Amino acid sequence: MTSRRDFIKTLSAASVGVGVTGIPFELLAKKDIIKITVLHTNDVHSRIEAFPDNDPKYPGMGGVAQRAAIINEIRNKEKNVLLLDAGDIFQGTPYFNLFKGEVEMKLMSQLKYDAGTIGNHDFDNGVDGLADMLKYANFPLLNCNYDFRNTAMEDKTKPYKIFEMDSARIGVFGIGIELKGLVPDKLIGNTKYLDPMEKAAVAAHYLKHTEKCDIVICLSHLGYKYPDEKISDDVLAKKSLNIDLIIGGHIHTFIDTPYKYYNRDGKPVYIAQVGWAGIKLGRIDFFIEKKKRIVKGEGTSLKISKKTIAV
């Protein structure tokens, strides 16, 4: 993990970065800088309520109401906010067993999520069940490496979405993990898994160069890192081009400050993930200098609790 001091040094030198240093409001106004705040979750797993106060590991932590309070507070202070999720929305509590994802999708819509991607557990009620729950979602599910032709999910996802804020363009795309071996064949039906490395490369190039996005974000449900060369966020970051940030999920990794990598061109790309169960909310503030289109930023995670909010 990068030290705080090294992270700040890198932020100062890099044209694209995610660090942990603040930029005063006066400097933003003086240099005509656009601020984009990206909030993110992953692997919430139907955790609607906070953990009980007597839970041995996460006492009083998490909860949609608590997360909503923090998100609303940030939105009241910041002009340009994106709220994203990296998959595994479903499965883990009786809410999913009883309501099959309706509660989760309705609450995410109320929280005004801007986009999410698909995790393997989002197929736990089958591809038909996932498709049926989308009627409760007021946000798109993004994925570019699942071929849903001849399934109930056909034409119900988008490979990417572009958000425009104060003349800045933010491109977001999604990729998912190999489902075979994780999800029974009967649940995924005719869904075909396509190489996420290839699809990510195509999507990122298109967003950065054709659509001229200032920031390209990958919502990934690949998993942060494995002992072998299995495709992961770690592998993707090293072999990528044009991606500025990977927001990950799947193996419940707690990353308090985004990890820094270098892509094939030697440019920084960062990986963020906030564990599981909604007990943390990731926050990354990007600062885009309008004239030079230089992007810098800061990243951290906030603990979700009934009692305290701590960095």
C-alpha atoms as a PDB file:
ATOM      1  CA  MET A   1       0.000   0.000   0.000  1.00  0.00           C
ATOM      2  CA  THR A   2       1.285   3.460  -0.883  1.00  0.00           C
ATOM      3  CA  SER A   3       2.272   5.638   2.056  1.00  0.00           C
ATOM      4  CA  ARG A   4       0.478   8.922   2.633  1.00  0.00           C
ATOM      5  CA  ARG A   5       3.619  10.947   1.915  1.00  0.00           C
ATOM      6  CA  ASP A   6       4.439   9.089  -1.315  1.00  0.00           C
ATOM      7  CA  PHE A   7       0.831   9.346  -2.433  1.00  0.00           C
ATOM      8  CA  ILE A   8       0.837  13.121  -2.033  1.00  0.00           C
ATOM      9  CA  LYS A   9       4.165  13.421  -3.870  1.00  0.00           C
ATOM     10  CA  THR A  10       2.819  11.386  -6.761  1.00  0.00           C
ATOM     11  CA  LEU A  11      -0.333  13.497  -6.892  1.00  0.00           C
ATOM     12  CA  SER A  12       1.725  16.635  -7.296  1.00  0.00           C
ATOM     13  CA  ALA A  13       3.760  15.217 -10.183  1.00  0.00           C
ATOM     14  CA  ALA A  14       1.138  13.251 -12.110  1.00  0.00           C
ATOM     15  CA  SER A  15      -1.254  14.555 -14.729  1.00  0.00           C
ATOM     16  CA  VAL A  16      -3.894  12.088 -13.575  1.00  0.00           C
ATOM     17  CA  GLY A  17      -3.981  11.002  -9.950  1.00  0.00           C
ATOM     18  CA  VAL A  18      -5.962  10.045  -6.907  1.00  0.00           C
ATOM     19  CA  GLY A  19      -4.275  11.142  -3.715  1.00  0.00           C
ATOM     20  CA  VAL A  20      -5.114  12.152  -0.189  1.00  0.00           C
ATOM     21  CA  THR A  21      -4.503  15.875  -0.134  1.00  0.00           C
ATOM     22  CA  GLY A  22      -7.156  18.586  -0.075  1.00  0.00           C
ATOM     23  CA  ILE A  23      -7.409  21.500  -2.495  1.00  0.00           C
ATOM     24  CA  PRO A  24      -8.761  24.730  -0.968  1.00  0.00           C
ATOM     25  CA  PHE A  25     -11.914  26.262  -2.406  1.00  0.00           C
ATOM     26  CA  GLU A  26     -10.060  29.493  -3.160  1.00  0.00           C
ATOM     27  CA  LEU A  27      -7.631  27.598  -5.386  1.00  0.00           C
ATOM     28  CA  LEU A  28     -10.505  25.962  -7.250  1.00  0.00           C
ATOM     29  CA  ALA A  29     -12.047  29.342  -8.020  1.00  0.00           C
ATOM     30  CA  LYS A  30      -8.741  30.953  -8.942  1.00  0.00           C
ATOM     31  CA  LYS A  31      -7.648  28.262 -11.379  1.00  0.00           C
ATOM     32  CA  ASP A  32     -11.089  27.618 -12.838  1.00  0.00           C
ATOM     33  CA  ILE A  33     -11.137  24.014 -11.665  1.00  0.00           C
ATOM     34  CA  ILE A  34     -14.085  21.612 -11.862  1.00  0.00           C
ATOM     35  CA  LYS A  35     -14.589  19.363  -8.856  1.00  0.00           C
ATOM     36  CA  ILE A  36     -16.219  15.958  -9.357  1.00  0.00           C
ATOM     37  CA  THR A  37     -17.064  13.858  -6.290  1.00  0.00           C
ATOM     38  CA  VAL A  38     -17.385  10.110  -6.878  1.00  0.00           C
ATOM     39  CA  LEU A  39     -19.034   8.052  -4.131  1.00  0.00           C
ATOM     40  CA  HIS A  40     -19.000   4.267  -4.373  1.00  0.00           C
ATOM     41  CA  THR A  41     -20.110   1.008  -2.771  1.00  0.00           C
ATOM     42  CA  ASN A  42     -19.678  -2.677  -3.603  1.00  0.00           C
ATOM     43  CA  ASP A  43     -20.880  -6.053  -2.340  1.00  0.00           C
ATOM     44  CA  VAL A  44     -23.625  -4.592  -0.168  1.00  0.00           C
ATOM     45  CA  HIS A  45     -25.293  -8.045  -0.249  1.00  0.00           C
ATOM     46  CA  SER A  46     -28.815  -7.005   0.724  1.00  0.00           C
ATOM     47  CA  ARG A  47     -27.588  -5.479   3.990  1.00  0.00           C
ATOM     48  CA  ILE A  48     -30.472  -3.048   4.479  1.00  0.00           C
ATOM     49  CA  GLU A  49     -30.174  -2.512   8.223  1.00  0.00           C
ATOM     50  CA  ALA A  50     -27.086  -1.816  10.273  1.00  0.00           C
ATOM     51  CA  PHE A  51     -25.387  -4.709  12.023  1.00  0.00           C
ATOM     52  CA  PRO A  52     -26.712  -5.153  15.573  1.00  0.00           C
ATOM     53  CA  ASP A  53     -24.876  -3.367  18.345  1.00  0.00           C
ATOM     54  CA  ASN A  54     -23.709  -6.684  19.781  1.00  0.00           C
ATOM     55  CA  ASP A  55     -22.232  -7.965  16.526  1.00  0.00           C
ATOM     56  CA  PRO A  56     -18.707  -9.228  17.368  1.00  0.00           C
ATOM     57  CA  LYS A  57     -17.072  -7.757  14.254  1.00  0.00           C
ATOM     58  CA  TYR A  58     -19.159  -4.849  12.925  1.00  0.00           C
ATOM     59  CA  PRO A  59     -21.238  -3.531  15.865  1.00  0.00           C
ATOM     60  CA  GLY A  60     -23.704  -0.874  14.744  1.00  0.00           C
ATOM     61  CA  MET A  61     -22.047  -0.494  11.360  1.00  0.00           C
ATOM     62  CA  GLY A  62     -23.638  -0.184   7.931  1.00  0.00           C
ATOM     63  CA  GLY A  63     -27.296   0.399   7.119  1.00  0.00           C
ATOM     64  CA  VAL A  64     -28.966   2.100   4.161  1.00  0.00           C
ATOM     65  CA  ALA A  65     -30.451   4.886   6.292  1.00  0.00           C
ATOM     66  CA  GLN A  66     -27.030   5.718   7.714  1.00  0.00           C
ATOM     67  CA  ARG A  67     -25.469   5.659   4.239  1.00  0.00           C
ATOM     68  CA  ALA A  68     -28.240   7.898   2.904  1.00  0.00           C
ATOM     69  CA  ALA A  69     -27.561  10.483   5.623  1.00  0.00           C
ATOM     70  CA  ILE A  70     -23.880  10.698   4.676  1.00  0.00           C
ATOM     71  CA  ILE A  71     -24.621  10.817   0.947  1.00  0.00           C
ATOM     72  CA  ASN A  72     -27.182  13.583   1.418  1.00  0.00           C
ATOM     73  CA  GLU A  73     -24.751  15.568   3.543  1.00  0.00           C
ATOM     74  CA  ILE A  74     -22.098  15.329   0.831  1.00  0.00           C
ATOM     75  CA  ARG A  75     -24.587  16.248  -1.894  1.00  0.00           C
ATOM     76  CA  ASN A  76     -25.611  19.323   0.080  1.00  0.00           C
ATOM     77  CA  LYS A  77     -21.998  20.483   0.136  1.00  0.00           C
ATOM     78  CA  GLU A  78     -20.795  19.412  -3.314  1.00  0.00           C
ATOM     79  CA  LYS A  79     -22.152  20.463  -6.701  1.00  0.00           C
ATOM     80  CA  ASN A  80     -21.144  17.504  -8.881  1.00  0.00           C
ATOM     81  CA  VAL A  81     -21.652  14.086  -7.265  1.00  0.00           C
ATOM     82  CA  LEU A  82     -21.711  10.620  -8.833  1.00  0.00           C
ATOM     83  CA  LEU A  83     -22.882   7.592  -6.836  1.00  0.00           C
ATOM     84  CA  LEU A  84     -21.750   4.206  -8.214  1.00  0.00           C
ATOM     85  CA  ASP A  85     -21.891   0.531  -7.211  1.00  0.00           C
ATOM     86  CA  ALA A  86     -19.587  -2.332  -8.239  1.00  0.00           C
ATOM     87  CA  GLY A  87     -21.993  -5.256  -7.967  1.00  0.00           C
ATOM     88  CA  ASP A  88     -23.330  -8.010  -5.695  1.00  0.00           C
ATOM     89  CA  ILE A  89     -26.311  -5.925  -4.759  1.00  0.00           C
ATOM     90  CA  PHE A  90     -28.259  -9.090  -3.890  1.00  0.00           C
ATOM     91  CA  GLN A  91     -27.998 -12.007  -1.455  1.00  0.00           C
ATOM     92  CA  GLY A  92     -27.028 -12.151   2.208  1.00  0.00           C
ATOM     93  CA  THR A  93     -30.057 -11.282   4.325  1.00  0.00           C
ATOM     94  CA  PRO A  94     -33.738 -12.340   4.517  1.00  0.00           C
ATOM     95  CA  TYR A  95     -34.672  -9.197   2.576  1.00  0.00           C
ATOM     96  CA  PHE A  96     -33.404 -10.869  -0.582  1.00  0.00           C
ATOM     97  CA  ASN A  97     -34.897 -14.244   0.292  1.00  0.00           C
ATOM     98  CA  LEU A  98     -38.334 -12.685   0.762  1.00  0.00           C
ATOM     99  CA  PHE A  99     -38.421  -9.908  -1.837  1.00  0.00           C
ATOM    100  CA  LYS A 100     -35.934 -11.164  -4.492  1.00  0.00           C
ATOM    101  CA  GLY A 101     -34.155  -7.822  -4.877  1.00  0.00           C
ATOM    102  CA  GLU A 102     -37.103  -5.427  -4.966  1.00  0.00           C
ATOM    103  CA  VAL A 103     -36.145  -3.743  -1.696  1.00  0.00           C
ATOM    104  CA  GLU A 104     -32.510  -3.290  -2.753  1.00  0.00           C
ATOM    105  CA  MET A 105     -33.373  -1.765  -6.130  1.00  0.00           C
ATOM    106  CA  LYS A 106     -36.001   0.557  -4.685  1.00  0.00           C
ATOM    107  CA  LEU A 107     -33.652   1.809  -1.991  1.00  0.00           C
ATOM    108  CA  MET A 108     -30.774   2.353  -4.413  1.00  0.00           C
ATOM    109  CA  SER A 109     -33.177   4.333  -6.593  1.00  0.00           C
ATOM    110  CA  GLN A 110     -34.198   6.433  -3.597  1.00  0.00           C
ATOM    111  CA  LEU A 111     -30.529   7.068  -2.846  1.00  0.00           C
ATOM    112  CA  LYS A 112     -30.220   8.204  -6.484  1.00  0.00           C
ATOM    113  CA  TYR A 113     -27.446   5.893  -7.601  1.00  0.00           C
ATOM    114  CA  ASP A 114     -26.182   6.972 -11.008  1.00  0.00           C
ATOM    115  CA  ALA A 115     -25.030   3.523 -12.178  1.00  0.00           C
ATOM    116  CA  GLY A 116     -23.983   0.071 -11.034  1.00  0.00           C
ATOM    117  CA  THR A 117     -22.508  -3.084 -12.473  1.00  0.00           C
ATOM    118  CA  ILE A 118     -23.478  -6.758 -12.109  1.00  0.00           C
ATOM    119  CA  GLY A 119     -21.962  -9.187  -9.614  1.00  0.00           C
ATOM    120  CA  ASN A 120     -22.219 -12.968  -9.642  1.00  0.00           C
ATOM    121  CA  HIS A 121     -24.699 -12.975  -6.737  1.00  0.00           C
ATOM    122  CA  ASP A 122     -27.013 -10.725  -8.694  1.00  0.00           C
ATOM    123  CA  PHE A 123     -27.880 -13.889 -10.653  1.00  0.00           C
ATOM    124  CA  ASP A 124     -28.932 -15.805  -7.519  1.00  0.00           C
ATOM    125  CA  ASN A 125     -32.575 -15.589  -8.538  1.00  0.00           C
ATOM    126  CA  GLY A 126     -31.681 -16.359 -12.140  1.00  0.00           C
ATOM    127  CA  VAL A 127     -31.200 -14.126 -15.154  1.00  0.00           C
ATOM    128  CA  ASP A 128     -34.985 -13.813 -15.378  1.00  0.00           C
ATOM    129  CA  GLY A 129     -35.165 -12.729 -11.752  1.00  0.00           C
ATOM    130  CA  LEU A 130     -32.501 -10.082 -12.270  1.00  0.00           C
ATOM    131  CA  ALA A 131     -34.292  -8.754 -15.334  1.00  0.00           C
ATOM    132  CA  ASP A 132     -37.574  -8.573 -13.431  1.00  0.00           C
ATOM    133  CA  MET A 133     -36.032  -6.481 -10.648  1.00  0.00           C
ATOM    134  CA  LEU A 134     -34.825  -3.803 -13.072  1.00  0.00           C
ATOM    135  CA  LYS A 135     -38.320  -2.342 -13.176  1.00  0.00           C
ATOM    136  CA  TYR A 136     -37.568  -0.997  -9.699  1.00  0.00           C
ATOM    137  CA  ALA A 137     -34.220   0.554 -10.689  1.00  0.00           C
ATOM    138  CA  ASN A 138     -33.995   4.186 -11.764  1.00  0.00           C
ATOM    139  CA  PHE A 139     -30.329   3.739 -12.688  1.00  0.00           C
ATOM    140  CA  PRO A 140     -28.579   1.657 -15.380  1.00  0.00           C
ATOM    141  CA  LEU A 141     -26.582  -1.520 -14.874  1.00  0.00           C
ATOM    142  CA  LEU A 142     -23.386  -1.242 -16.906  1.00  0.00           C
ATOM    143  CA  ASN A 143     -21.587  -4.246 -18.372  1.00  0.00           C
ATOM    144  CA  CYS A 144     -19.611  -4.724 -21.571  1.00  0.00           C
ATOM    145  CA  ASN A 145     -18.462  -8.358 -21.279  1.00  0.00           C
ATOM    146  CA  TYR A 146     -21.697 -10.306 -20.716  1.00  0.00           C
ATOM    147  CA  ASP A 147     -23.551 -11.190 -23.903  1.00  0.00           C
ATOM    148  CA  PHE A 148     -27.204 -11.348 -22.871  1.00  0.00           C
ATOM    149  CA  ARG A 149     -28.654 -12.146 -26.268  1.00  0.00           C
ATOM    150  CA  ASN A 150     -31.496 -14.682 -26.067  1.00  0.00           C
ATOM    151  CA  THR A 151     -31.976 -14.073 -22.333  1.00  0.00           C
ATOM    152  CA  ALA A 152     -34.395 -11.939 -20.321  1.00  0.00           C
ATOM    153  CA  MET A 153     -31.567  -9.421 -19.811  1.00  0.00           C
ATOM    154  CA  GLU A 154     -31.159  -8.713 -23.518  1.00  0.00           C
ATOM    155  CA  ASP A 155     -31.124  -4.930 -24.142  1.00  0.00           C
ATOM    156  CA  LYS A 156     -31.508  -4.248 -20.408  1.00  0.00           C
ATOM    157  CA  THR A 157     -27.905  -3.193 -19.741  1.00  0.00           C
ATOM    158  CA  LYS A 158     -25.563  -0.599 -21.225  1.00  0.00           C
ATOM    159  CA  PRO A 159     -21.821  -1.050 -21.825  1.00  0.00           C
ATOM    160  CA  TYR A 160     -21.075   2.475 -20.560  1.00  0.00           C
ATOM    161  CA  LYS A 161     -22.597   5.794 -19.638  1.00  0.00           C
ATOM    162  CA  ILE A 162     -21.213   9.308 -19.987  1.00  0.00           C
ATOM    163  CA  PHE A 163     -21.960  11.963 -17.387  1.00  0.00           C
ATOM    164  CA  GLU A 164     -21.474  15.668 -18.116  1.00  0.00           C
ATOM    165  CA  MET A 165     -20.881  18.017 -15.200  1.00  0.00           C
ATOM    166  CA  ASP A 166     -19.758  21.623 -15.555  1.00  0.00           C
ATOM    167  CA  SER A 167     -18.305  20.874 -19.020  1.00  0.00           C
ATOM    168  CA  ALA A 168     -16.375  17.864 -17.665  1.00  0.00           C
ATOM    169  CA  ARG A 169     -17.082  14.451 -19.181  1.00  0.00           C
ATOM    170  CA  ILE A 170     -16.905  11.325 -17.034  1.00  0.00           C
ATOM    171  CA  GLY A 171     -17.153   7.962 -18.759  1.00  0.00           C
ATOM    172  CA  VAL A 172     -18.167   4.915 -16.704  1.00  0.00           C
ATOM    173  CA  PHE A 173     -18.230   1.327 -17.937  1.00  0.00           C
ATOM    174  CA  GLY A 174     -18.729  -2.047 -16.259  1.00  0.00           C
ATOM    175  CA  ILE A 175     -17.111  -5.490 -16.426  1.00  0.00           C
ATOM    176  CA  GLY A 176     -17.969  -8.737 -14.662  1.00  0.00           C
ATOM    177  CA  ILE A 177     -16.297 -11.929 -13.513  1.00  0.00           C
ATOM    178  CA  GLU A 178     -16.469 -15.349 -15.205  1.00  0.00           C
ATOM    179  CA  LEU A 179     -19.779 -16.799 -14.040  1.00  0.00           C
ATOM    180  CA  LYS A 180     -19.116 -20.448 -14.808  1.00  0.00           C
ATOM    181  CA  GLY A 181     -18.174 -22.209 -11.572  1.00  0.00           C
ATOM    182  CA  LEU A 182     -19.637 -19.385  -9.477  1.00  0.00           C
ATOM    183  CA  VAL A 183     -23.225 -19.454 -10.686  1.00  0.00           C
ATOM    184  CA  PRO A 184     -25.169 -22.590 -11.727  1.00  0.00           C
ATOM    185  CA  ASP A 185     -25.730 -22.790 -15.481  1.00  0.00           C
ATOM    186  CA  LYS A 186     -29.498 -22.864 -15.039  1.00  0.00           C
ATOM    187  CA  LEU A 187     -29.385 -19.416 -13.396  1.00  0.00           C
ATOM    188  CA  ILE A 188     -27.419 -17.681 -16.152  1.00  0.00           C
ATOM    189  CA  GLY A 189     -29.127 -19.403 -19.084  1.00  0.00           C
ATOM    190  CA  ASN A 190     -27.664 -18.338 -22.421  1.00  0.00           C
ATOM    191  CA  THR A 191     -25.507 -15.571 -20.933  1.00  0.00           C
ATOM    192  CA  LYS A 192     -22.061 -15.619 -22.562  1.00  0.00           C
ATOM    193  CA  TYR A 193     -18.908 -14.415 -20.841  1.00  0.00           C
ATOM    194  CA  LEU A 194     -16.573 -12.330 -23.006  1.00  0.00           C
ATOM    195  CA  ASP A 195     -12.928 -11.500 -22.252  1.00  0.00           C
ATOM    196  CA  PRO A 196     -13.033  -8.559 -19.802  1.00  0.00           C
ATOM    197  CA  MET A 197      -9.526  -7.410 -20.722  1.00  0.00           C
ATOM    198  CA  GLU A 198     -10.447  -7.008 -24.379  1.00  0.00           C
ATOM    199  CA  LYS A 199     -13.807  -5.425 -23.686  1.00  0.00           C
ATOM    200  CA  ALA A 200     -12.356  -3.043 -21.101  1.00  0.00           C
ATOM    201  CA  ALA A 201      -9.671  -1.948 -23.562  1.00  0.00           C
ATOM    202  CA  VAL A 202     -12.251  -1.187 -26.246  1.00  0.00           C
ATOM    203  CA  ALA A 203     -14.575   0.668 -23.874  1.00  0.00           C
ATOM    204  CA  ALA A 204     -11.823   2.738 -22.258  1.00  0.00           C
ATOM    205  CA  HIS A 205     -10.300   3.729 -25.614  1.00  0.00           C
ATOM    206  CA  TYR A 206     -13.689   4.769 -26.946  1.00  0.00           C
ATOM    207  CA  LEU A 207     -14.542   6.822 -23.874  1.00  0.00           C
ATOM    208  CA  LYS A 208     -11.162   8.539 -23.641  1.00  0.00           C
ATOM    209  CA  HIS A 209     -10.438   9.202 -27.312  1.00  0.00           C
ATOM    210  CA  THR A 210     -13.730   9.212 -29.218  1.00  0.00           C
ATOM    211  CA  GLU A 211     -15.973  10.649 -26.512  1.00  0.00           C
ATOM    212  CA  LYS A 212     -13.144  12.793 -25.075  1.00  0.00           C
ATOM    213  CA  CYS A 213     -13.915  11.916 -21.472  1.00  0.00           C
ATOM    214  CA  ASP A 214     -11.737  13.673 -18.903  1.00  0.00           C
ATOM    215  CA  ILE A 215     -12.092  10.758 -16.480  1.00  0.00           C
ATOM    216  CA  VAL A 216     -12.692   7.095 -17.324  1.00  0.00           C
ATOM    217  CA  ILE A 217     -13.981   4.873 -14.510  1.00  0.00           C
ATOM    218  CA  CYS A 218     -14.260   1.093 -14.643  1.00  0.00           C
ATOM    219  CA  LEU A 219     -16.866  -0.543 -12.401  1.00  0.00           C
ATOM    220  CA  SER A 220     -15.380  -3.992 -11.919  1.00  0.00           C
ATOM    221  CA  HIS A 221     -16.622  -7.155 -10.279  1.00  0.00           C
ATOM    222  CA  LEU A 222     -13.454  -9.106 -11.037  1.00  0.00           C
ATOM    223  CA  GLY A 223     -11.912  -9.084  -7.570  1.00  0.00           C
ATOM    224  CA  TYR A 224      -8.882  -7.081  -6.460  1.00  0.00           C
ATOM    225  CA  LYS A 225      -6.044  -9.653  -6.645  1.00  0.00           C
ATOM    226  CA  TYR A 226      -5.427 -13.410  -6.690  1.00  0.00           C
ATOM    227  CA  PRO A 227      -2.352 -15.594  -6.004  1.00  0.00           C
ATOM    228  CA  ASP A 228      -2.292 -16.714  -9.649  1.00  0.00           C
ATOM    229  CA  GLU A 229      -2.742 -14.780 -12.901  1.00  0.00           C
ATOM    230  CA  LYS A 230      -6.532 -14.953 -12.797  1.00  0.00           C
ATOM    231  CA  ILE A 231      -7.961 -11.772 -14.278  1.00  0.00           C
ATOM    232  CA  SER A 232      -8.384  -9.206 -11.511  1.00  0.00           C
ATOM    233  CA  ASP A 233      -8.319  -5.467 -10.928  1.00  0.00           C
ATOM    234  CA  ASP A 234      -4.592  -5.817 -10.246  1.00  0.00           C
ATOM    235  CA  VAL A 235      -3.990  -7.447 -13.635  1.00  0.00           C
ATOM    236  CA  LEU A 236      -6.326  -5.060 -15.442  1.00  0.00           C
ATOM    237  CA  ALA A 237      -4.660  -1.969 -13.980  1.00  0.00           C
ATOM    238  CA  LYS A 238      -1.179  -3.077 -15.043  1.00  0.00           C
ATOM    239  CA  LYS A 239      -2.207  -4.009 -18.583  1.00  0.00           C
ATOM    240  CA  SER A 240      -4.691  -1.220 -19.194  1.00  0.00           C
ATOM    241  CA  LEU A 241      -4.688   2.020 -21.134  1.00  0.00           C
ATOM    242  CA  ASN A 242      -7.030   5.003 -20.762  1.00  0.00           C
ATOM    243  CA  ILE A 243      -8.543   3.967 -17.405  1.00  0.00           C
ATOM    244  CA  ASP A 244      -8.093   6.442 -14.548  1.00  0.00           C
ATOM    245  CA  LEU A 245      -9.906   4.587 -11.778  1.00  0.00           C
ATOM    246  CA  ILE A 246     -11.116   1.034 -11.145  1.00  0.00           C
ATOM    247  CA  ILE A 247     -13.870   0.721  -8.549  1.00  0.00           C
ATOM    248  CA  GLY A 248     -13.826  -2.951  -7.628  1.00  0.00           C
ATOM    249  CA  GLY A 249     -15.758  -5.629  -5.810  1.00  0.00           C
ATOM    250  CA  HIS A 250     -16.246  -9.391  -5.389  1.00  0.00           C
ATOM    251  CA  ILE A 251     -13.640 -10.453  -2.805  1.00  0.00           C
ATOM    252  CA  HIS A 252     -14.591  -7.857  -0.178  1.00  0.00           C
ATOM    253  CA  THR A 253     -11.256  -6.043   0.001  1.00  0.00           C
ATOM    254  CA  PHE A 254     -11.125  -3.025   2.295  1.00  0.00           C
ATOM    255  CA  ILE A 255      -9.008  -0.328   0.647  1.00  0.00           C
ATOM    256  CA  ASP A 256      -8.938   2.780   2.810  1.00  0.00           C
ATOM    257  CA  THR A 257      -6.966   4.853   0.309  1.00  0.00           C
ATOM    258  CA  PRO A 258      -6.912   3.963  -3.412  1.00  0.00           C
ATOM    259  CA  TYR A 259      -3.972   1.809  -4.501  1.00  0.00           C
ATOM    260  CA  LYS A 260      -1.739   3.290  -7.182  1.00  0.00           C
ATOM    261  CA  TYR A 261      -0.564   1.351 -10.245  1.00  0.00           C
ATOM    262  CA  TYR A 262       0.997   2.287 -13.561  1.00  0.00           C
ATOM    263  CA  ASN A 263      -0.601   1.254 -16.829  1.00  0.00           C
ATOM    264  CA  ARG A 264       1.188   0.183 -20.016  1.00  0.00           C
ATOM    265  CA  ASP A 265       1.960   3.810 -20.876  1.00  0.00           C
ATOM    266  CA  GLY A 266       3.397   4.492 -17.450  1.00  0.00           C
ATOM    267  CA  LYS A 267       0.393   6.576 -16.430  1.00  0.00           C
ATOM    268  CA  PRO A 268      -1.230   6.133 -13.030  1.00  0.00           C
ATOM    269  CA  VAL A 269      -4.410   4.128 -12.625  1.00  0.00           C
ATOM    270  CA  TYR A 270      -5.970   3.644  -9.216  1.00  0.00           C
ATOM    271  CA  ILE A 271      -8.004   0.882  -7.595  1.00  0.00           C
ATOM    272  CA  ALA A 272     -10.656   1.518  -4.949  1.00  0.00           C
ATOM    273  CA  GLN A 273     -12.890  -0.908  -3.037  1.00  0.00           C
ATOM    274  CA  VAL A 274     -14.770  -0.652   0.264  1.00  0.00           C
ATOM    275  CA  GLY A 275     -15.114  -4.206   1.566  1.00  0.00           C
ATOM    276  CA  TRP A 276     -18.677  -5.418   1.838  1.00  0.00           C
ATOM    277  CA  ALA A 277     -22.094  -5.053   3.532  1.00  0.00           C
ATOM    278  CA  GLY A 278     -22.207  -1.285   3.101  1.00  0.00           C
ATOM    279  CA  ILE A 279     -20.135  -0.636   6.205  1.00  0.00           C
ATOM    280  CA  LYS A 280     -18.022   1.885   4.295  1.00  0.00           C
ATOM    281  CA  LEU A 281     -18.626   4.439   1.570  1.00  0.00           C
ATOM    282  CA  GLY A 282     -15.814   5.275  -0.816  1.00  0.00           C
ATOM    283  CA  ARG A 283     -15.207   8.875  -1.786  1.00  0.00           C
ATOM    284  CA  ILE A 284     -12.908  10.206  -4.487  1.00  0.00           C
ATOM    285  CA  ASP A 285     -12.780  13.916  -5.372  1.00  0.00           C
ATOM    286  CA  PHE A 286     -11.436  14.708  -8.824  1.00  0.00           C
ATOM    287  CA  PHE A 287     -10.214  18.197  -9.755  1.00  0.00           C
ATOM    288  CA  ILE A 288     -10.105  19.056 -13.449  1.00  0.00           C
ATOM    289  CA  GLU A 289      -8.289  22.170 -14.593  1.00  0.00           C
ATOM    290  CA  LYS A 290     -10.443  23.378 -17.483  1.00  0.00           C
ATOM    291  CA  LYS A 291      -7.818  24.920 -19.752  1.00  0.00           C
ATOM    292  CA  LYS A 292      -5.197  22.174 -19.586  1.00  0.00           C
ATOM    293  CA  ARG A 293      -7.633  19.320 -18.893  1.00  0.00           C
ATOM    294  CA  ILE A 294      -5.315  18.124 -16.121  1.00  0.00           C
ATOM    295  CA  VAL A 295      -6.979  15.828 -13.589  1.00  0.00           C
ATOM    296  CA  LYS A 296      -5.949  15.444  -9.970  1.00  0.00           C
ATOM    297  CA  GLY A 297      -7.805  14.295  -6.911  1.00  0.00           C
ATOM    298  CA  GLU A 298      -8.087  12.767  -3.449  1.00  0.00           C
ATOM    299  CA  GLY A 299      -9.484   9.443  -2.280  1.00  0.00           C
ATOM    300  CA  THR A 300     -10.586   7.940   1.021  1.00  0.00           C
ATOM    301  CA  SER A 301     -13.345   5.847   2.608  1.00  0.00           C
ATOM    302  CA  LEU A 302     -15.935   6.755   5.221  1.00  0.00           C
ATOM    303  CA  LYS A 303     -17.161   4.393   7.903  1.00  0.00           C
ATOM    304  CA  ILE A 304     -20.927   3.959   8.010  1.00  0.00           C
ATOM    305  CA  SER A 305     -22.186   3.714  11.587  1.00  0.00           C
ATOM    306  CA  LYS A 306     -25.185   4.556  13.716  1.00  0.00           C
ATOM    307  CA  LYS A 307     -22.916   6.478  16.050  1.00  0.00           C
ATOM    308  CA  THR A 308     -20.000   8.017  14.206  1.00  0.00           C
ATOM    309  CA  ILE A 309     -18.668   8.969  10.800  1.00  0.00           C
ATOM    310  CA  ALA A 310     -14.907   8.580  10.626  1.00  0.00           C
ATOM    311  CA  VAL A 311     -12.312   8.669   7.893  1.00  0.00           C
END
